[in-house]
Amino acid sequence: MINVLVTGSKGQLGVAMQNIARNYSNYTCYFTGKKELNIVNSEAVAAFIATNNIKVIVNCAAYTAVDKAEDEQDLATEINYLAVENLARISKQFKIKLIHISTDYVFDGTSKRPYLETADTNPTNNYGKSKLKGEKALLKINPENSVIVRTSWLYSLHGTNFVNTMLRLFKSNKTVKVVSDQIGSPTNATDLANLIFTILPKIKNKKVELYHYSNMGSCSWFQFAQEIANLTNSSCIVEPILSKDFNSKVKRPKYSLLNTDKIQQTFNVEILSWQDSLKKCLNKIK
């Protein structure tokens, strides 16, 4: 049995990993939230790892409130940067694997083709900047057998995300306006959780490796909302609006599609289309 520490257990990815952990019987998972383990506290994390003989850390902990990150910069920095730096140092000290989850928002969205792992980063908001700082800290410390997985538009039936927001709005509104000029790919948290468990035993690298993972295909938030409405037989009408007409103080990337060729080829994994994966997720409601 391999002991795995999963941080951010209350978030949508952490919950998704808890829901499927029983399918991976060769791992014993320790799921912690901020109440159980303060991942910025190096002594606390080191003691937890030593006591529980942890061999792998999966860092699902993140500050993901994009708008609020503009006002709560210190908190976003603490969770998305300082905690990652701490986990990287401890992973190196204890010689354990570290899988860290990052975001498409490290890019500025000016590309015309799906972003490769080698593409230049240039975040346009504080959330993206704090996540990039975390990436850079991990790359600099460079613990062996560690990876960064960037993902995009993560959703599940748990927590605050686009799918749950739309399901709530559809119930109380006849029409909903959704941005139509931001392009990316929705990612089902359960698919990402399965991916993490699948690649865990295959990770063997001297330097930190970067990978991109999202469901296949692309869409706008408007098209995403339309598909949610169709699959749930909602009578709510989804109307397109432009980013400039949407009330937000945060600049988001107009195009943040991720190229997933590297992770598919390295670990021989197949990835569902975003439409099929969304259907699978929403079927759980029924």
C-alpha atoms as a PDB file:
ATOM      1  CA  MET A   1       0.000   0.000   0.000  1.00  0.00           C
ATOM      2  CA  ILE A   2       1.193   3.486  -0.874  1.00  0.00           C
ATOM      3  CA  ASN A   3       0.174   6.303   1.459  1.00  0.00           C
ATOM      4  CA  VAL A   4      -1.038   9.441  -0.334  1.00  0.00           C
ATOM      5  CA  LEU A   5      -1.699  12.865   1.180  1.00  0.00           C
ATOM      6  CA  VAL A   6      -4.436  14.724  -0.733  1.00  0.00           C
ATOM      7  CA  THR A   7      -4.713  18.392   0.252  1.00  0.00           C
ATOM      8  CA  GLY A   8      -7.739  20.567  -0.456  1.00  0.00           C
ATOM      9  CA  SER A   9     -10.150  17.767   0.432  1.00  0.00           C
ATOM     10  CA  LYS A  10     -13.169  20.104   0.612  1.00  0.00           C
ATOM     11  CA  GLY A  11     -12.700  21.488  -2.925  1.00  0.00           C
ATOM     12  CA  GLN A  12     -14.328  19.963  -5.993  1.00  0.00           C
ATOM     13  CA  LEU A  13     -11.221  18.025  -7.089  1.00  0.00           C
ATOM     14  CA  GLY A  14     -10.516  16.832  -3.544  1.00  0.00           C
ATOM     15  CA  VAL A  15     -14.106  15.607  -3.194  1.00  0.00           C
ATOM     16  CA  ALA A  16     -13.893  13.914  -6.616  1.00  0.00           C
ATOM     17  CA  MET A  17     -10.754  12.076  -5.499  1.00  0.00           C
ATOM     18  CA  GLN A  18     -12.474  10.952  -2.293  1.00  0.00           C
ATOM     19  CA  ASN A  19     -15.430   9.647  -4.306  1.00  0.00           C
ATOM     20  CA  ILE A  20     -13.263   7.380  -6.477  1.00  0.00           C
ATOM     21  CA  ALA A  21     -10.401   6.499  -4.102  1.00  0.00           C
ATOM     22  CA  ARG A  22     -12.002   3.131  -3.326  1.00  0.00           C
ATOM     23  CA  ASN A  23     -11.428   2.147  -6.975  1.00  0.00           C
ATOM     24  CA  TYR A  24      -7.656   2.365  -6.427  1.00  0.00           C
ATOM     25  CA  SER A  25      -7.068  -0.159  -3.654  1.00  0.00           C
ATOM     26  CA  ASN A  26      -3.261   0.019  -3.791  1.00  0.00           C
ATOM     27  CA  TYR A  27      -3.404   3.517  -2.263  1.00  0.00           C
ATOM     28  CA  THR A  28      -4.293   4.615   1.238  1.00  0.00           C
ATOM     29  CA  CYS A  29      -5.372   8.235   0.969  1.00  0.00           C
ATOM     30  CA  TYR A  30      -5.256  10.829   3.724  1.00  0.00           C
ATOM     31  CA  PHE A  31      -7.631  13.653   2.792  1.00  0.00           C
ATOM     32  CA  THR A  32      -6.977  16.946   4.574  1.00  0.00           C
ATOM     33  CA  GLY A  33      -8.528  20.391   4.510  1.00  0.00           C
ATOM     34  CA  LYS A  34      -7.094  23.511   6.120  1.00  0.00           C
ATOM     35  CA  LYS A  35      -8.596  22.541   9.498  1.00  0.00           C
ATOM     36  CA  GLU A  36      -6.782  19.184   9.515  1.00  0.00           C
ATOM     37  CA  LEU A  37      -3.459  20.398   8.092  1.00  0.00           C
ATOM     38  CA  ASN A  38      -2.070  23.884   7.476  1.00  0.00           C
ATOM     39  CA  ILE A  39       0.047  23.316   4.368  1.00  0.00           C
ATOM     40  CA  VAL A  40       1.848  26.645   4.814  1.00  0.00           C
ATOM     41  CA  ASN A  41       3.231  25.366   8.129  1.00  0.00           C
ATOM     42  CA  SER A  42       6.331  23.346   7.224  1.00  0.00           C
ATOM     43  CA  GLU A  43       6.678  21.730  10.672  1.00  0.00           C
ATOM     44  CA  ALA A  44       3.056  20.567  10.649  1.00  0.00           C
ATOM     45  CA  VAL A  45       3.349  19.091   7.139  1.00  0.00           C
ATOM     46  CA  ALA A  46       6.697  17.399   7.889  1.00  0.00           C
ATOM     47  CA  ALA A  47       5.265  15.849  11.058  1.00  0.00           C
ATOM     48  CA  PHE A  48       2.162  14.612   9.213  1.00  0.00           C
ATOM     49  CA  ILE A  49       4.286  13.013   6.485  1.00  0.00           C
ATOM     50  CA  ALA A  50       6.616  11.318   8.957  1.00  0.00           C
ATOM     51  CA  THR A  51       3.790  10.075  11.200  1.00  0.00           C
ATOM     52  CA  ASN A  52       1.732   8.651   8.323  1.00  0.00           C
ATOM     53  CA  ASN A  53       4.623   7.436   6.133  1.00  0.00           C
ATOM     54  CA  ILE A  54       3.387   9.510   3.174  1.00  0.00           C
ATOM     55  CA  LYS A  55       4.977   8.656  -0.185  1.00  0.00           C
ATOM     56  CA  VAL A  56       2.921  10.929  -2.483  1.00  0.00           C
ATOM     57  CA  ILE A  57       1.381  14.392  -2.130  1.00  0.00           C
ATOM     58  CA  VAL A  58      -1.448  15.456  -4.437  1.00  0.00           C
ATOM     59  CA  ASN A  59      -1.980  19.184  -3.967  1.00  0.00           C
ATOM     60  CA  CYS A  60      -5.601  19.989  -4.791  1.00  0.00           C
ATOM     61  CA  ALA A  61      -5.628  22.979  -2.436  1.00  0.00           C
ATOM     62  CA  ALA A  62      -6.114  26.278  -4.277  1.00  0.00           C
ATOM     63  CA  TYR A  63      -7.599  29.724  -3.966  1.00  0.00           C
ATOM     64  CA  THR A  64      -9.841  29.775  -7.055  1.00  0.00           C
ATOM     65  CA  ALA A  65     -12.188  32.759  -6.547  1.00  0.00           C
ATOM     66  CA  VAL A  66     -10.938  34.707  -9.561  1.00  0.00           C
ATOM     67  CA  ASP A  67     -12.771  37.979  -8.839  1.00  0.00           C
ATOM     68  CA  LYS A  68     -12.138  37.961  -5.083  1.00  0.00           C
ATOM     69  CA  ALA A  69      -8.429  37.307  -5.654  1.00  0.00           C
ATOM     70  CA  GLU A  70      -8.079  40.937  -6.748  1.00  0.00           C
ATOM     71  CA  ASP A  71      -9.065  42.054  -3.220  1.00  0.00           C
ATOM     72  CA  GLU A  72      -7.692  39.100  -1.247  1.00  0.00           C
ATOM     73  CA  GLN A  73      -4.227  39.040  -2.807  1.00  0.00           C
ATOM     74  CA  ASP A  74      -2.436  37.987   0.381  1.00  0.00           C
ATOM     75  CA  LEU A  75      -4.707  34.973   0.865  1.00  0.00           C
ATOM     76  CA  ALA A  76      -4.444  33.950  -2.800  1.00  0.00           C
ATOM     77  CA  THR A  77      -0.645  34.252  -2.582  1.00  0.00           C
ATOM     78  CA  GLU A  78      -0.502  32.195   0.609  1.00  0.00           C
ATOM     79  CA  ILE A  79      -2.502  29.270  -0.803  1.00  0.00           C
ATOM     80  CA  ASN A  80      -1.423  29.341  -4.453  1.00  0.00           C
ATOM     81  CA  TYR A  81       2.253  30.220  -3.960  1.00  0.00           C
ATOM     82  CA  LEU A  82       3.626  29.914  -0.405  1.00  0.00           C
ATOM     83  CA  ALA A  83       1.892  26.601   0.319  1.00  0.00           C
ATOM     84  CA  VAL A  84       3.180  25.151  -2.975  1.00  0.00           C
ATOM     85  CA  GLU A  85       6.710  26.340  -2.182  1.00  0.00           C
ATOM     86  CA  ASN A  86       6.442  24.639   1.211  1.00  0.00           C
ATOM     87  CA  LEU A  87       5.155  21.358  -0.238  1.00  0.00           C
ATOM     88  CA  ALA A  88       7.930  21.396  -2.851  1.00  0.00           C
ATOM     89  CA  ARG A  89      10.642  21.772  -0.200  1.00  0.00           C
ATOM     90  CA  ILE A  90       9.159  18.998   1.920  1.00  0.00           C
ATOM     91  CA  SER A  91       8.781  16.700  -1.105  1.00  0.00           C
ATOM     92  CA  LYS A  92      12.473  17.192  -1.836  1.00  0.00           C
ATOM     93  CA  GLN A  93      13.432  16.652   1.814  1.00  0.00           C
ATOM     94  CA  PHE A  94      11.443  13.414   2.158  1.00  0.00           C
ATOM     95  CA  LYS A  95      12.047  12.260  -1.455  1.00  0.00           C
ATOM     96  CA  ILE A  96       8.339  11.844  -2.182  1.00  0.00           C
ATOM     97  CA  LYS A  97       6.257  12.413  -5.316  1.00  0.00           C
ATOM     98  CA  LEU A  98       4.313  15.650  -5.671  1.00  0.00           C
ATOM     99  CA  ILE A  99       1.456  16.268  -8.094  1.00  0.00           C
ATOM    100  CA  HIS A 100       0.422  19.921  -8.151  1.00  0.00           C
ATOM    101  CA  ILE A 101      -2.670  21.197  -9.966  1.00  0.00           C
ATOM    102  CA  SER A 102      -2.426  24.528 -11.814  1.00  0.00           C
ATOM    103  CA  THR A 103      -4.526  26.481 -14.292  1.00  0.00           C
ATOM    104  CA  ASP A 104      -4.994  27.745 -17.851  1.00  0.00           C
ATOM    105  CA  TYR A 105      -5.150  31.255 -16.359  1.00  0.00           C
ATOM    106  CA  VAL A 106      -1.334  31.419 -16.354  1.00  0.00           C
ATOM    107  CA  PHE A 107      -1.795  32.354 -20.046  1.00  0.00           C
ATOM    108  CA  ASP A 108      -3.028  35.710 -21.393  1.00  0.00           C
ATOM    109  CA  GLY A 109      -5.387  34.228 -23.991  1.00  0.00           C
ATOM    110  CA  THR A 110      -3.849  35.892 -27.052  1.00  0.00           C
ATOM    111  CA  SER A 111      -2.930  32.589 -28.733  1.00  0.00           C
ATOM    112  CA  LYS A 112      -4.789  31.303 -31.772  1.00  0.00           C
ATOM    113  CA  ARG A 113      -3.925  27.649 -31.173  1.00  0.00           C
ATOM    114  CA  PRO A 114      -4.078  25.346 -28.116  1.00  0.00           C
ATOM    115  CA  TYR A 115      -1.375  26.173 -25.583  1.00  0.00           C
ATOM    116  CA  LEU A 116       1.580  23.807 -25.322  1.00  0.00           C
ATOM    117  CA  GLU A 117       3.345  23.287 -21.989  1.00  0.00           C
ATOM    118  CA  THR A 118       6.278  25.273 -23.403  1.00  0.00           C
ATOM    119  CA  ALA A 119       4.201  28.358 -24.302  1.00  0.00           C
ATOM    120  CA  ASP A 120       5.070  31.681 -22.673  1.00  0.00           C
ATOM    121  CA  THR A 121       3.058  32.479 -19.564  1.00  0.00           C
ATOM    122  CA  ASN A 122       1.557  35.922 -19.001  1.00  0.00           C
ATOM    123  CA  PRO A 123      -1.356  35.938 -16.527  1.00  0.00           C
ATOM    124  CA  THR A 124      -3.803  38.840 -16.743  1.00  0.00           C
ATOM    125  CA  ASN A 125      -5.240  38.686 -13.214  1.00  0.00           C
ATOM    126  CA  ASN A 126      -4.064  38.100  -9.657  1.00  0.00           C
ATOM    127  CA  TYR A 127      -5.444  34.570  -9.505  1.00  0.00           C
ATOM    128  CA  GLY A 128      -3.330  33.595 -12.530  1.00  0.00           C
ATOM    129  CA  LYS A 129      -0.301  35.451 -11.146  1.00  0.00           C
ATOM    130  CA  SER A 130      -0.496  33.654  -7.802  1.00  0.00           C
ATOM    131  CA  LYS A 131      -0.819  30.265  -9.512  1.00  0.00           C
ATOM    132  CA  LEU A 132       2.172  31.020 -11.742  1.00  0.00           C
ATOM    133  CA  LYS A 133       4.252  31.950  -8.681  1.00  0.00           C
ATOM    134  CA  GLY A 134       3.428  28.528  -7.258  1.00  0.00           C
ATOM    135  CA  GLU A 135       4.508  26.831 -10.484  1.00  0.00           C
ATOM    136  CA  LYS A 136       7.790  28.743 -10.559  1.00  0.00           C
ATOM    137  CA  ALA A 137       8.542  27.916  -6.923  1.00  0.00           C
ATOM    138  CA  LEU A 138       8.013  24.210  -7.587  1.00  0.00           C
ATOM    139  CA  LEU A 139      10.142  24.318 -10.750  1.00  0.00           C
ATOM    140  CA  LYS A 140      12.941  26.133  -8.910  1.00  0.00           C
ATOM    141  CA  ILE A 141      13.040  23.750  -5.927  1.00  0.00           C
ATOM    142  CA  ASN A 142      12.698  20.859  -8.385  1.00  0.00           C
ATOM    143  CA  PRO A 143      11.899  17.778  -6.269  1.00  0.00           C
ATOM    144  CA  GLU A 144      12.328  14.514  -8.201  1.00  0.00           C
ATOM    145  CA  ASN A 145       9.268  12.662  -9.484  1.00  0.00           C
ATOM    146  CA  SER A 146       7.055  15.718  -9.362  1.00  0.00           C
ATOM    147  CA  VAL A 147       4.622  17.111 -11.930  1.00  0.00           C
ATOM    148  CA  ILE A 148       2.464  20.157 -12.522  1.00  0.00           C
ATOM    149  CA  VAL A 149      -0.865  19.466 -14.227  1.00  0.00           C
ATOM    150  CA  ARG A 150      -2.541  22.543 -15.661  1.00  0.00           C
ATOM    151  CA  THR A 151      -6.268  22.191 -16.178  1.00  0.00           C
ATOM    152  CA  SER A 152      -9.135  24.436 -17.283  1.00  0.00           C
ATOM    153  CA  TRP A 153     -12.773  25.264 -16.497  1.00  0.00           C
ATOM    154  CA  LEU A 154     -13.019  22.621 -13.776  1.00  0.00           C
ATOM    155  CA  TYR A 155     -16.511  21.587 -12.700  1.00  0.00           C
ATOM    156  CA  SER A 156     -18.375  18.939 -10.715  1.00  0.00           C
ATOM    157  CA  LEU A 157     -21.687  18.644  -8.891  1.00  0.00           C
ATOM    158  CA  HIS A 158     -19.883  19.778  -5.726  1.00  0.00           C
ATOM    159  CA  GLY A 159     -18.885  23.301  -4.786  1.00  0.00           C
ATOM    160  CA  THR A 160     -18.876  26.602  -6.640  1.00  0.00           C
ATOM    161  CA  ASN A 161     -18.376  26.242 -10.391  1.00  0.00           C
ATOM    162  CA  PHE A 162     -19.986  27.156 -13.703  1.00  0.00           C
ATOM    163  CA  VAL A 163     -22.193  24.059 -13.963  1.00  0.00           C
ATOM    164  CA  ASN A 164     -23.715  24.490 -10.514  1.00  0.00           C
ATOM    165  CA  THR A 165     -24.159  28.224 -11.099  1.00  0.00           C
ATOM    166  CA  MET A 166     -26.035  27.567 -14.348  1.00  0.00           C
ATOM    167  CA  LEU A 167     -28.229  24.881 -12.786  1.00  0.00           C
ATOM    168  CA  ARG A 168     -29.199  27.354 -10.059  1.00  0.00           C
ATOM    169  CA  LEU A 169     -29.836  30.234 -12.496  1.00  0.00           C
ATOM    170  CA  PHE A 170     -31.903  28.062 -14.836  1.00  0.00           C
ATOM    171  CA  LYS A 171     -34.330  27.332 -11.997  1.00  0.00           C
ATOM    172  CA  SER A 172     -35.029  30.975 -11.177  1.00  0.00           C
ATOM    173  CA  ASN A 173     -34.681  32.797 -14.516  1.00  0.00           C
ATOM    174  CA  LYS A 174     -36.387  32.739 -17.910  1.00  0.00           C
ATOM    175  CA  THR A 175     -33.224  33.992 -19.632  1.00  0.00           C
ATOM    176  CA  VAL A 176     -29.532  33.915 -18.694  1.00  0.00           C
ATOM    177  CA  LYS A 177     -26.790  35.916 -20.401  1.00  0.00           C
ATOM    178  CA  VAL A 178     -23.433  34.173 -20.817  1.00  0.00           C
ATOM    179  CA  VAL A 179     -20.127  35.319 -22.314  1.00  0.00           C
ATOM    180  CA  SER A 180     -19.619  34.044 -25.866  1.00  0.00           C
ATOM    181  CA  ASP A 181     -16.115  35.332 -26.713  1.00  0.00           C
ATOM    182  CA  GLN A 182     -14.002  33.345 -24.236  1.00  0.00           C
ATOM    183  CA  ILE A 183     -12.899  29.942 -25.568  1.00  0.00           C
ATOM    184  CA  GLY A 184     -11.593  26.967 -23.629  1.00  0.00           C
ATOM    185  CA  SER A 185     -12.482  23.420 -22.630  1.00  0.00           C
ATOM    186  CA  PRO A 186     -14.560  22.371 -19.603  1.00  0.00           C
ATOM    187  CA  THR A 187     -12.959  19.686 -17.427  1.00  0.00           C
ATOM    188  CA  ASN A 188     -14.897  17.179 -15.355  1.00  0.00           C
ATOM    189  CA  ALA A 189     -13.253  16.937 -11.896  1.00  0.00           C
ATOM    190  CA  THR A 190     -13.897  13.177 -11.792  1.00  0.00           C
ATOM    191  CA  ASP A 191     -11.980  12.703 -15.041  1.00  0.00           C
ATOM    192  CA  LEU A 192      -9.054  14.688 -13.633  1.00  0.00           C
ATOM    193  CA  ALA A 193      -9.168  12.685 -10.385  1.00  0.00           C
ATOM    194  CA  ASN A 194      -9.021   9.412 -12.339  1.00  0.00           C
ATOM    195  CA  LEU A 195      -6.161  10.801 -14.409  1.00  0.00           C
ATOM    196  CA  ILE A 196      -4.183  11.602 -11.250  1.00  0.00           C
ATOM    197  CA  PHE A 197      -4.584   8.083  -9.840  1.00  0.00           C
ATOM    198  CA  THR A 198      -3.728   6.608 -13.261  1.00  0.00           C
ATOM    199  CA  ILE A 199      -0.456   8.502 -13.763  1.00  0.00           C
ATOM    200  CA  LEU A 200       0.741   8.224 -10.135  1.00  0.00           C
ATOM    201  CA  PRO A 201       2.690   4.952 -10.484  1.00  0.00           C
ATOM    202  CA  LYS A 202       4.125   5.992 -13.861  1.00  0.00           C
ATOM    203  CA  ILE A 203       5.721   9.255 -12.743  1.00  0.00           C
ATOM    204  CA  LYS A 204       9.506   8.954 -12.978  1.00  0.00           C
ATOM    205  CA  ASN A 205      11.375  12.149 -13.779  1.00  0.00           C
ATOM    206  CA  LYS A 206      14.450  13.961 -12.480  1.00  0.00           C
ATOM    207  CA  LYS A 207      13.093  17.424 -13.244  1.00  0.00           C
ATOM    208  CA  VAL A 208       9.576  18.705 -12.611  1.00  0.00           C
ATOM    209  CA  GLU A 209       7.422  17.967 -15.674  1.00  0.00           C
ATOM    210  CA  LEU A 210       4.577  20.163 -16.878  1.00  0.00           C
ATOM    211  CA  TYR A 211       1.436  18.619 -18.392  1.00  0.00           C
ATOM    212  CA  HIS A 212      -1.857  19.967 -19.712  1.00  0.00           C
ATOM    213  CA  TYR A 213      -5.135  18.156 -19.072  1.00  0.00           C
ATOM    214  CA  SER A 214      -8.686  19.054 -19.999  1.00  0.00           C
ATOM    215  CA  ASN A 215     -11.543  17.278 -21.711  1.00  0.00           C
ATOM    216  CA  MET A 216     -11.289  17.205 -25.503  1.00  0.00           C
ATOM    217  CA  GLY A 217     -12.812  19.813 -27.809  1.00  0.00           C
ATOM    218  CA  SER A 218     -13.481  23.500 -27.321  1.00  0.00           C
ATOM    219  CA  CYS A 219     -16.395  25.818 -26.636  1.00  0.00           C
ATOM    220  CA  SER A 220     -17.319  29.243 -25.320  1.00  0.00           C
ATOM    221  CA  TRP A 221     -18.945  29.715 -21.917  1.00  0.00           C
ATOM    222  CA  PHE A 222     -22.153  30.439 -23.864  1.00  0.00           C
ATOM    223  CA  GLN A 223     -21.952  27.104 -25.719  1.00  0.00           C
ATOM    224  CA  PHE A 224     -21.136  25.357 -22.443  1.00  0.00           C
ATOM    225  CA  ALA A 225     -24.247  26.878 -20.852  1.00  0.00           C
ATOM    226  CA  GLN A 226     -26.377  25.903 -23.868  1.00  0.00           C
ATOM    227  CA  GLU A 227     -25.240  22.290 -23.539  1.00  0.00           C
ATOM    228  CA  ILE A 228     -26.059  22.255 -19.810  1.00  0.00           C
ATOM    229  CA  ALA A 229     -29.530  23.611 -20.618  1.00  0.00           C
ATOM    230  CA  ASN A 230     -30.073  21.020 -23.367  1.00  0.00           C
ATOM    231  CA  LEU A 231     -28.942  18.079 -21.244  1.00  0.00           C
ATOM    232  CA  THR A 232     -31.162  19.094 -18.323  1.00  0.00           C
ATOM    233  CA  ASN A 233     -34.161  19.958 -20.531  1.00  0.00           C
ATOM    234  CA  SER A 234     -34.225  23.474 -19.117  1.00  0.00           C
ATOM    235  CA  SER A 235     -36.698  25.947 -20.593  1.00  0.00           C
ATOM    236  CA  CYS A 236     -34.395  28.840 -19.680  1.00  0.00           C
ATOM    237  CA  ILE A 237     -33.110  30.708 -22.757  1.00  0.00           C
ATOM    238  CA  VAL A 238     -29.322  31.233 -22.869  1.00  0.00           C
ATOM    239  CA  GLU A 239     -28.320  34.493 -24.557  1.00  0.00           C
ATOM    240  CA  PRO A 240     -24.776  35.386 -25.695  1.00  0.00           C
ATOM    241  CA  ILE A 241     -23.004  38.551 -24.513  1.00  0.00           C
ATOM    242  CA  LEU A 242     -19.477  39.874 -25.034  1.00  0.00           C
ATOM    243  CA  SER A 243     -16.834  39.995 -22.291  1.00  0.00           C
ATOM    244  CA  LYS A 244     -16.877  43.795 -22.355  1.00  0.00           C
ATOM    245  CA  ASP A 245     -20.589  43.747 -21.472  1.00  0.00           C
ATOM    246  CA  PHE A 246     -20.167  41.322 -18.582  1.00  0.00           C
ATOM    247  CA  ASN A 247     -19.903  42.933 -15.158  1.00  0.00           C
ATOM    248  CA  SER A 248     -16.453  41.822 -13.965  1.00  0.00           C
ATOM    249  CA  LYS A 249     -13.423  43.753 -12.765  1.00  0.00           C
ATOM    250  CA  VAL A 250     -11.128  40.896 -13.751  1.00  0.00           C
ATOM    251  CA  LYS A 251      -9.644  40.381 -17.194  1.00  0.00           C
ATOM    252  CA  ARG A 252      -9.934  36.743 -18.246  1.00  0.00           C
ATOM    253  CA  PRO A 253      -8.132  35.034 -21.140  1.00  0.00           C
ATOM    254  CA  LYS A 254     -10.148  35.125 -24.367  1.00  0.00           C
ATOM    255  CA  TYR A 255      -8.625  31.826 -25.488  1.00  0.00           C
ATOM    256  CA  SER A 256      -7.185  29.302 -23.059  1.00  0.00           C
ATOM    257  CA  LEU A 257      -7.498  25.966 -24.835  1.00  0.00           C
ATOM    258  CA  LEU A 258      -4.827  23.516 -23.651  1.00  0.00           C
ATOM    259  CA  ASN A 259      -2.945  21.106 -25.909  1.00  0.00           C
ATOM    260  CA  THR A 260      -3.156  17.715 -24.160  1.00  0.00           C
ATOM    261  CA  ASP A 261      -0.976  15.677 -26.553  1.00  0.00           C
ATOM    262  CA  LYS A 262       1.936  15.371 -24.106  1.00  0.00           C
ATOM    263  CA  ILE A 263      -0.006  13.816 -21.229  1.00  0.00           C
ATOM    264  CA  GLN A 264      -1.881  11.466 -23.588  1.00  0.00           C
ATOM    265  CA  GLN A 265       1.331  10.217 -25.198  1.00  0.00           C
ATOM    266  CA  THR A 266       3.452  10.037 -22.033  1.00  0.00           C
ATOM    267  CA  PHE A 267       0.935   8.078 -19.965  1.00  0.00           C
ATOM    268  CA  ASN A 268      -1.114   6.446 -22.740  1.00  0.00           C
ATOM    269  CA  VAL A 269      -4.410   7.899 -21.530  1.00  0.00           C
ATOM    270  CA  GLU A 270      -7.592   8.552 -23.482  1.00  0.00           C
ATOM    271  CA  ILE A 271      -9.594  11.698 -22.794  1.00  0.00           C
ATOM    272  CA  LEU A 272     -13.358  12.060 -23.206  1.00  0.00           C
ATOM    273  CA  SER A 273     -14.885  14.950 -25.143  1.00  0.00           C
ATOM    274  CA  TRP A 274     -16.215  17.736 -22.946  1.00  0.00           C
ATOM    275  CA  GLN A 275     -19.753  17.006 -24.193  1.00  0.00           C
ATOM    276  CA  ASP A 276     -19.632  13.297 -23.277  1.00  0.00           C
ATOM    277  CA  SER A 277     -18.077  14.023 -19.909  1.00  0.00           C
ATOM    278  CA  LEU A 278     -20.641  16.726 -19.108  1.00  0.00           C
ATOM    279  CA  LYS A 279     -23.432  14.290 -19.994  1.00  0.00           C
ATOM    280  CA  LYS A 280     -21.918  11.692 -17.658  1.00  0.00           C
ATOM    281  CA  CYS A 281     -21.758  14.258 -14.847  1.00  0.00           C
ATOM    282  CA  LEU A 282     -25.313  15.549 -15.292  1.00  0.00           C
ATOM    283  CA  ASN A 283     -26.732  12.025 -15.515  1.00  0.00           C
ATOM    284  CA  LYS A 284     -25.883  11.684 -11.802  1.00  0.00           C
ATOM    285  CA  ILE A 285     -28.566  14.298 -11.045  1.00  0.00           C
ATOM    286  CA  LYS A 286     -31.177  12.179 -12.778  1.00  0.00           C
END
